[in-house]
Amino acid sequence: MEFRSKVDNFFVVVISITLFIIMAVFLIPLILDNDKTLVEVIIVLSLCFLSIAFILWTSFSIKYIFNPDTLLVKGGLFKTRIPYEDITKLTETTELFTGYRVLASKDSLEIFYKKGILGSVKISPTDKKRFVSELKKRCPNL
């Protein structure tokens, strides 16, 4: 079973501002430079495009997958496999800026588990009630 991440308007605004700043950093010097070559233009535009694509990919491809033995938390290049038997606690949280988080919403859950570097991960599934129900089926110790 797979759940996508919920996306808040706040998150969209933050990502939009970030992308605008990245575009400004790449494009303003390019516009102001009168001695640029075609190769320099191609390199700068390529780096700008790749930076924006990477941010969009990692921000909007977030999903949570229930595998037979593990919960897979995935966002872009980042993946975390959490064995169900390692999950110790599940709480609601609105903390967006602290800890290990793979989410795009303030309306989120924090999963505490034994073998994590930070001990927990924050997630924001679109259907929180169904996600919690499915997790409780697979983690009888919750």
N, C-alpha and C. Protein backbone atom coordinates (compact mmCIF):
# COMPACT_ATOMS: atom_id res chain seq x y z
N MET A 1 0.85 -1.17 0.00
CA MET A 1 0.00 0.00 0.00
C MET A 1 0.90 1.24 0.00
N GLU A 2 0.49 2.25 -0.75
CA GLU A 2 1.31 3.45 -0.92
C GLU A 2 0.51 4.70 -0.59
N PHE A 3 1.14 5.62 0.12
CA PHE A 3 0.54 6.90 0.47
C PHE A 3 1.44 8.02 -0.04
N ARG A 4 0.86 9.03 -0.65
CA ARG A 4 1.60 10.21 -1.08
C ARG A 4 1.63 11.21 0.07
N SER A 5 2.54 12.15 -0.02
CA SER A 5 2.64 13.18 1.01
C SER A 5 1.63 14.29 0.77
N LYS A 6 1.05 14.75 1.85
CA LYS A 6 0.15 15.90 1.79
C LYS A 6 1.02 17.15 1.54
N VAL A 7 0.51 18.10 0.76
CA VAL A 7 1.27 19.31 0.44
C VAL A 7 0.48 20.53 0.91
N ASP A 8 1.06 21.29 1.84
CA ASP A 8 0.45 22.52 2.35
C ASP A 8 0.73 23.69 1.42
N ASN A 9 -0.13 24.70 1.49
CA ASN A 9 0.13 25.95 0.76
C ASN A 9 1.41 26.60 1.25
N PHE A 10 1.67 26.51 2.56
CA PHE A 10 2.89 27.06 3.14
C PHE A 10 4.12 26.44 2.48
N PHE A 11 4.10 25.13 2.31
CA PHE A 11 5.21 24.42 1.68
C PHE A 11 5.39 24.87 0.24
N VAL A 12 4.30 25.04 -0.49
CA VAL A 12 4.37 25.48 -1.89
C VAL A 12 4.97 26.89 -1.96
N VAL A 13 4.60 27.76 -1.03
CA VAL A 13 5.15 29.12 -1.00
C VAL A 13 6.65 29.07 -0.72
N VAL A 14 7.07 28.27 0.26
CA VAL A 14 8.50 28.16 0.59
C VAL A 14 9.29 27.63 -0.61
N ILE A 15 8.79 26.60 -1.26
CA ILE A 15 9.47 26.04 -2.44
C ILE A 15 9.50 27.06 -3.57
N SER A 16 8.41 27.79 -3.78
CA SER A 16 8.36 28.80 -4.84
C SER A 16 9.38 29.91 -4.60
N ILE A 17 9.47 30.38 -3.36
CA ILE A 17 10.46 31.42 -3.03
C ILE A 17 11.87 30.89 -3.25
N THR A 18 12.12 29.66 -2.82
CA THR A 18 13.43 29.04 -3.01
C THR A 18 13.78 28.96 -4.49
N LEU A 19 12.85 28.52 -5.31
CA LEU A 19 13.10 28.41 -6.75
C LEU A 19 13.33 29.78 -7.38
N PHE A 20 12.59 30.78 -6.93
CA PHE A 20 12.78 32.14 -7.44
C PHE A 20 14.18 32.65 -7.11
N ILE A 21 14.64 32.40 -5.89
CA ILE A 21 15.99 32.83 -5.48
C ILE A 21 17.04 32.10 -6.32
N ILE A 22 16.87 30.81 -6.52
CA ILE A 22 17.83 30.05 -7.34
C ILE A 22 17.88 30.60 -8.76
N MET A 23 16.71 30.87 -9.33
CA MET A 23 16.69 31.42 -10.69
C MET A 23 17.37 32.78 -10.73
N ALA A 24 17.14 33.62 -9.72
CA ALA A 24 17.77 34.94 -9.67
C ALA A 24 19.29 34.81 -9.57
N VAL A 25 19.76 33.90 -8.73
CA VAL A 25 21.20 33.70 -8.55
C VAL A 25 21.87 33.27 -9.86
N PHE A 26 21.20 32.43 -10.61
CA PHE A 26 21.77 31.96 -11.87
C PHE A 26 21.57 32.96 -13.02
N LEU A 27 20.40 33.56 -13.11
CA LEU A 27 20.06 34.34 -14.31
C LEU A 27 20.49 35.81 -14.26
N ILE A 28 20.47 36.45 -13.10
CA ILE A 28 20.86 37.86 -13.04
C ILE A 28 22.30 38.06 -13.49
N PRO A 29 23.27 37.30 -12.98
CA PRO A 29 24.64 37.47 -13.50
C PRO A 29 24.75 37.18 -15.00
N LEU A 30 23.97 36.23 -15.45
CA LEU A 30 23.98 35.89 -16.87
C LEU A 30 23.47 37.06 -17.72
N ILE A 31 22.44 37.72 -17.25
CA ILE A 31 21.87 38.86 -17.97
C ILE A 31 22.82 40.06 -17.93
N LEU A 32 23.46 40.27 -16.78
CA LEU A 32 24.33 41.44 -16.63
C LEU A 32 25.70 41.30 -17.28
N ASP A 33 26.12 40.09 -17.56
CA ASP A 33 27.44 39.85 -18.16
C ASP A 33 27.37 40.09 -19.67
N ASN A 34 28.12 41.07 -20.13
CA ASN A 34 28.13 41.40 -21.56
C ASN A 34 29.12 40.55 -22.35
N ASP A 35 30.04 39.88 -21.67
CA ASP A 35 31.09 39.12 -22.35
C ASP A 35 30.86 37.61 -22.29
N LYS A 36 29.64 37.17 -22.12
CA LYS A 36 29.38 35.74 -21.98
C LYS A 36 29.46 35.03 -23.34
N THR A 37 29.88 33.78 -23.27
CA THR A 37 29.94 32.96 -24.48
C THR A 37 28.74 32.01 -24.49
N LEU A 38 28.50 31.39 -25.61
CA LEU A 38 27.40 30.43 -25.72
C LEU A 38 27.60 29.26 -24.77
N VAL A 39 28.82 28.81 -24.62
CA VAL A 39 29.13 27.70 -23.71
C VAL A 39 28.79 28.08 -22.27
N GLU A 40 29.14 29.30 -21.87
CA GLU A 40 28.82 29.75 -20.51
C GLU A 40 27.31 29.82 -20.29
N VAL A 41 26.59 30.30 -21.28
CA VAL A 41 25.13 30.38 -21.18
C VAL A 41 24.53 28.98 -21.02
N ILE A 42 25.00 28.04 -21.83
CA ILE A 42 24.50 26.66 -21.76
C ILE A 42 24.80 26.04 -20.40
N ILE A 43 26.01 26.26 -19.89
CA ILE A 43 26.39 25.70 -18.59
C ILE A 43 25.53 26.29 -17.47
N VAL A 44 25.38 27.61 -17.46
CA VAL A 44 24.60 28.27 -16.40
C VAL A 44 23.13 27.84 -16.46
N LEU A 45 22.56 27.82 -17.65
CA LEU A 45 21.16 27.41 -17.79
C LEU A 45 20.96 25.94 -17.41
N SER A 46 21.94 25.10 -17.75
CA SER A 46 21.86 23.68 -17.38
C SER A 46 21.91 23.51 -15.86
N LEU A 47 22.83 24.22 -15.21
CA LEU A 47 22.92 24.13 -13.75
C LEU A 47 21.65 24.66 -13.08
N CYS A 48 21.10 25.73 -13.61
CA CYS A 48 19.85 26.29 -13.09
C CYS A 48 18.72 25.26 -13.22
N PHE A 49 18.58 24.70 -14.41
CA PHE A 49 17.53 23.71 -14.65
C PHE A 49 17.71 22.48 -13.76
N LEU A 50 18.93 21.97 -13.64
CA LEU A 50 19.17 20.78 -12.81
C LEU A 50 18.89 21.06 -11.33
N SER A 51 19.26 22.24 -10.85
CA SER A 51 18.99 22.60 -9.45
C SER A 51 17.49 22.65 -9.18
N ILE A 52 16.77 23.29 -10.07
CA ILE A 52 15.31 23.40 -9.91
C ILE A 52 14.65 22.03 -10.01
N ALA A 53 15.08 21.23 -10.98
CA ALA A 53 14.51 19.89 -11.15
C ALA A 53 14.76 19.02 -9.92
N PHE A 54 15.96 19.10 -9.34
CA PHE A 54 16.28 18.31 -8.15
C PHE A 54 15.39 18.71 -6.98
N ILE A 55 15.22 20.00 -6.77
CA ILE A 55 14.38 20.47 -5.65
C ILE A 55 12.93 20.04 -5.84
N LEU A 56 12.42 20.19 -7.06
CA LEU A 56 11.04 19.77 -7.33
C LEU A 56 10.87 18.26 -7.16
N TRP A 57 11.84 17.50 -7.64
CA TRP A 57 11.78 16.04 -7.54
C TRP A 57 11.77 15.59 -6.07
N THR A 58 12.72 16.11 -5.28
CA THR A 58 12.79 15.68 -3.88
C THR A 58 11.61 16.20 -3.06
N SER A 59 11.02 17.31 -3.46
CA SER A 59 9.92 17.90 -2.69
C SER A 59 8.57 17.29 -3.00
N PHE A 60 8.34 16.92 -4.25
CA PHE A 60 7.00 16.49 -4.64
C PHE A 60 6.90 15.02 -5.03
N SER A 61 7.97 14.26 -4.83
CA SER A 61 7.89 12.81 -5.09
C SER A 61 7.87 12.02 -3.79
N ILE A 62 7.50 12.66 -2.71
CA ILE A 62 7.51 12.03 -1.39
C ILE A 62 6.37 11.02 -1.30
N LYS A 63 6.74 9.80 -0.87
CA LYS A 63 5.71 8.77 -0.65
C LYS A 63 6.14 7.82 0.45
N TYR A 64 5.14 7.16 1.00
CA TYR A 64 5.34 6.22 2.10
C TYR A 64 4.73 4.90 1.67
N ILE A 65 5.55 3.85 1.65
CA ILE A 65 5.13 2.56 1.10
C ILE A 65 5.18 1.49 2.18
N PHE A 66 4.06 0.78 2.35
CA PHE A 66 4.01 -0.34 3.28
C PHE A 66 4.47 -1.59 2.54
N ASN A 67 5.66 -2.07 2.88
CA ASN A 67 6.18 -3.34 2.36
C ASN A 67 5.83 -4.43 3.37
N PRO A 68 6.04 -5.70 3.01
CA PRO A 68 5.69 -6.78 3.96
C PRO A 68 6.35 -6.65 5.34
N ASP A 69 7.62 -6.26 5.39
CA ASP A 69 8.33 -6.21 6.67
C ASP A 69 8.76 -4.81 7.10
N THR A 70 8.68 -3.84 6.20
CA THR A 70 9.19 -2.50 6.50
C THR A 70 8.27 -1.41 5.96
N LEU A 71 8.38 -0.25 6.57
CA LEU A 71 7.76 0.96 6.04
C LEU A 71 8.86 1.71 5.30
N LEU A 72 8.66 1.96 4.02
CA LEU A 72 9.63 2.68 3.20
C LEU A 72 9.19 4.14 3.11
N VAL A 73 10.04 5.03 3.59
CA VAL A 73 9.80 6.47 3.53
C VAL A 73 10.74 7.00 2.46
N LYS A 74 10.16 7.55 1.37
CA LYS A 74 10.96 7.88 0.20
C LYS A 74 10.65 9.29 -0.29
N GLY A 75 11.72 10.06 -0.53
CA GLY A 75 11.59 11.39 -1.11
C GLY A 75 12.80 11.69 -1.96
N GLY A 76 12.66 11.59 -3.28
CA GLY A 76 13.79 11.81 -4.17
C GLY A 76 14.86 10.76 -3.96
N LEU A 77 16.09 11.21 -3.71
CA LEU A 77 17.21 10.30 -3.46
C LEU A 77 17.17 9.66 -2.08
N PHE A 78 16.41 10.24 -1.19
CA PHE A 78 16.43 9.84 0.21
C PHE A 78 15.42 8.73 0.47
N LYS A 79 15.91 7.65 1.09
CA LYS A 79 15.06 6.50 1.43
C LYS A 79 15.38 6.04 2.84
N THR A 80 14.34 5.69 3.56
CA THR A 80 14.52 5.10 4.89
C THR A 80 13.60 3.89 4.99
N ARG A 81 14.18 2.75 5.33
CA ARG A 81 13.40 1.53 5.57
C ARG A 81 13.32 1.32 7.08
N ILE A 82 12.10 1.30 7.57
CA ILE A 82 11.88 1.14 9.01
C ILE A 82 11.18 -0.19 9.24
N PRO A 83 11.88 -1.16 9.85
CA PRO A 83 11.21 -2.43 10.18
C PRO A 83 10.07 -2.17 11.17
N TYR A 84 8.95 -2.83 10.94
CA TYR A 84 7.77 -2.60 11.79
C TYR A 84 8.06 -2.90 13.26
N GLU A 85 8.89 -3.91 13.52
CA GLU A 85 9.18 -4.27 14.92
C GLU A 85 10.02 -3.21 15.62
N ASP A 86 10.67 -2.30 14.86
CA ASP A 86 11.47 -1.23 15.46
C ASP A 86 10.66 0.01 15.81
N ILE A 87 9.44 0.10 15.31
CA ILE A 87 8.61 1.28 15.57
C ILE A 87 8.09 1.21 17.00
N THR A 88 8.36 2.27 17.77
CA THR A 88 8.00 2.28 19.18
C THR A 88 6.84 3.20 19.52
N LYS A 89 6.69 4.29 18.76
CA LYS A 89 5.66 5.27 19.10
C LYS A 89 5.26 6.06 17.86
N LEU A 90 4.02 6.53 17.85
CA LEU A 90 3.50 7.35 16.76
C LEU A 90 2.75 8.53 17.38
N THR A 91 3.16 9.76 17.04
CA THR A 91 2.49 10.95 17.58
C THR A 91 2.20 11.95 16.46
N GLU A 92 1.22 12.82 16.73
CA GLU A 92 0.95 13.92 15.79
C GLU A 92 1.89 15.07 16.13
N THR A 93 2.31 15.82 15.11
CA THR A 93 3.20 16.95 15.31
C THR A 93 2.92 18.03 14.27
N THR A 94 3.27 19.25 14.64
CA THR A 94 3.19 20.36 13.68
C THR A 94 4.57 20.97 13.46
N GLU A 95 5.60 20.39 14.08
CA GLU A 95 6.97 20.86 13.92
C GLU A 95 7.47 20.55 12.51
N LEU A 96 7.72 21.57 11.73
CA LEU A 96 8.13 21.39 10.34
C LEU A 96 9.63 21.53 10.15
N PHE A 97 10.30 22.24 11.04
CA PHE A 97 11.69 22.60 10.78
C PHE A 97 12.72 21.87 11.63
N THR A 98 12.32 20.92 12.45
CA THR A 98 13.30 20.21 13.26
C THR A 98 13.26 18.72 12.99
N GLY A 99 14.38 18.06 13.22
CA GLY A 99 14.45 16.61 13.09
C GLY A 99 14.53 16.13 11.65
N TYR A 100 14.50 14.82 11.52
CA TYR A 100 14.53 14.17 10.20
C TYR A 100 13.11 14.15 9.67
N ARG A 101 12.90 14.83 8.55
CA ARG A 101 11.55 14.95 8.04
C ARG A 101 11.52 14.68 6.54
N VAL A 102 10.54 13.91 6.14
CA VAL A 102 10.28 13.65 4.73
C VAL A 102 8.80 13.97 4.56
N LEU A 103 8.51 15.27 4.49
CA LEU A 103 7.13 15.71 4.47
C LEU A 103 7.00 17.03 3.74
N ALA A 104 5.74 17.40 3.46
CA ALA A 104 5.45 18.65 2.78
C ALA A 104 4.24 19.34 3.40
N SER A 105 4.01 19.07 4.70
CA SER A 105 2.84 19.62 5.37
C SER A 105 3.11 19.76 6.86
N LYS A 106 2.48 20.77 7.48
CA LYS A 106 2.59 20.93 8.93
C LYS A 106 1.73 19.89 9.66
N ASP A 107 0.69 19.43 9.02
CA ASP A 107 -0.21 18.42 9.59
C ASP A 107 0.45 17.06 9.41
N SER A 108 1.26 16.67 10.39
CA SER A 108 2.11 15.49 10.17
C SER A 108 2.14 14.55 11.37
N LEU A 109 2.78 13.43 11.14
CA LEU A 109 2.98 12.40 12.15
C LEU A 109 4.48 12.22 12.39
N GLU A 110 4.83 11.87 13.61
CA GLU A 110 6.22 11.54 13.91
C GLU A 110 6.27 10.08 14.33
N ILE A 111 7.08 9.31 13.61
CA ILE A 111 7.25 7.89 13.90
C ILE A 111 8.58 7.72 14.62
N PHE A 112 8.52 7.20 15.84
CA PHE A 112 9.74 6.93 16.60
C PHE A 112 10.12 5.48 16.39
N TYR A 113 11.41 5.24 16.18
CA TYR A 113 11.86 3.87 15.96
C TYR A 113 13.25 3.69 16.55
N LYS A 114 13.62 2.44 16.80
CA LYS A 114 14.81 2.10 17.58
C LYS A 114 16.14 2.41 16.89
N LYS A 115 16.29 2.07 15.63
CA LYS A 115 17.61 2.10 15.01
C LYS A 115 17.87 3.32 14.14
N GLY A 116 17.05 4.34 14.24
CA GLY A 116 17.25 5.55 13.43
C GLY A 116 18.34 6.42 14.00
N ILE A 117 19.03 7.15 13.15
CA ILE A 117 20.10 8.05 13.60
C ILE A 117 19.54 9.10 14.55
N LEU A 118 18.43 9.71 14.18
CA LEU A 118 17.81 10.71 15.04
C LEU A 118 16.68 10.13 15.90
N GLY A 119 16.35 8.87 15.69
CA GLY A 119 15.34 8.20 16.50
C GLY A 119 13.91 8.38 16.04
N SER A 120 13.69 9.27 15.07
CA SER A 120 12.33 9.46 14.57
C SER A 120 12.36 10.05 13.17
N VAL A 121 11.22 9.96 12.50
CA VAL A 121 11.04 10.57 11.18
C VAL A 121 9.66 11.21 11.16
N LYS A 122 9.58 12.40 10.56
CA LYS A 122 8.30 13.10 10.45
C LYS A 122 7.77 12.94 9.04
N ILE A 123 6.49 12.57 8.95
CA ILE A 123 5.86 12.32 7.65
C ILE A 123 4.49 12.98 7.62
N SER A 124 3.94 13.16 6.41
CA SER A 124 2.62 13.79 6.28
C SER A 124 1.79 13.09 5.20
N PRO A 125 1.27 11.90 5.50
CA PRO A 125 0.45 11.20 4.50
C PRO A 125 -0.86 11.95 4.22
N THR A 126 -1.34 11.84 2.98
CA THR A 126 -2.57 12.55 2.61
C THR A 126 -3.77 12.06 3.42
N ASP A 127 -3.90 10.76 3.57
CA ASP A 127 -5.00 10.19 4.35
C ASP A 127 -4.42 9.67 5.67
N LYS A 128 -4.33 10.58 6.63
CA LYS A 128 -3.66 10.25 7.89
C LYS A 128 -4.35 9.13 8.65
N LYS A 129 -5.67 9.14 8.69
CA LYS A 129 -6.41 8.11 9.44
C LYS A 129 -6.17 6.72 8.85
N ARG A 130 -6.24 6.62 7.54
CA ARG A 130 -6.01 5.32 6.89
C ARG A 130 -4.56 4.87 7.09
N PHE A 131 -3.62 5.81 7.03
CA PHE A 131 -2.21 5.48 7.24
C PHE A 131 -2.00 4.93 8.65
N VAL A 132 -2.55 5.62 9.65
CA VAL A 132 -2.39 5.18 11.04
C VAL A 132 -3.03 3.82 11.24
N SER A 133 -4.19 3.62 10.66
CA SER A 133 -4.87 2.32 10.75
C SER A 133 -4.01 1.20 10.16
N GLU A 134 -3.46 1.45 8.99
CA GLU A 134 -2.61 0.45 8.33
C GLU A 134 -1.34 0.19 9.14
N LEU A 135 -0.75 1.24 9.70
CA LEU A 135 0.46 1.07 10.50
C LEU A 135 0.16 0.27 11.76
N LYS A 136 -0.97 0.51 12.38
CA LYS A 136 -1.33 -0.23 13.60
C LYS A 136 -1.59 -1.71 13.30
N LYS A 137 -2.10 -2.01 12.11
CA LYS A 137 -2.28 -3.42 11.72
C LYS A 137 -0.93 -4.13 11.65
N ARG A 138 0.07 -3.42 11.17
CA ARG A 138 1.39 -4.03 10.96
C ARG A 138 2.30 -3.92 12.18
N CYS A 139 1.97 -3.03 13.09
CA CYS A 139 2.77 -2.84 14.31
C CYS A 139 1.87 -3.05 15.52
N PRO A 140 1.72 -4.26 15.96
CA PRO A 140 0.82 -4.53 17.09
C PRO A 140 1.29 -3.87 18.39
N ASN A 141 2.56 -3.49 18.48
CA ASN A 141 3.08 -2.88 19.71
C ASN A 141 2.77 -1.39 19.82
N LEU A 142 2.06 -0.81 18.84
CA LEU A 142 1.71 0.63 18.92
C LEU A 142 0.48 0.83 19.78
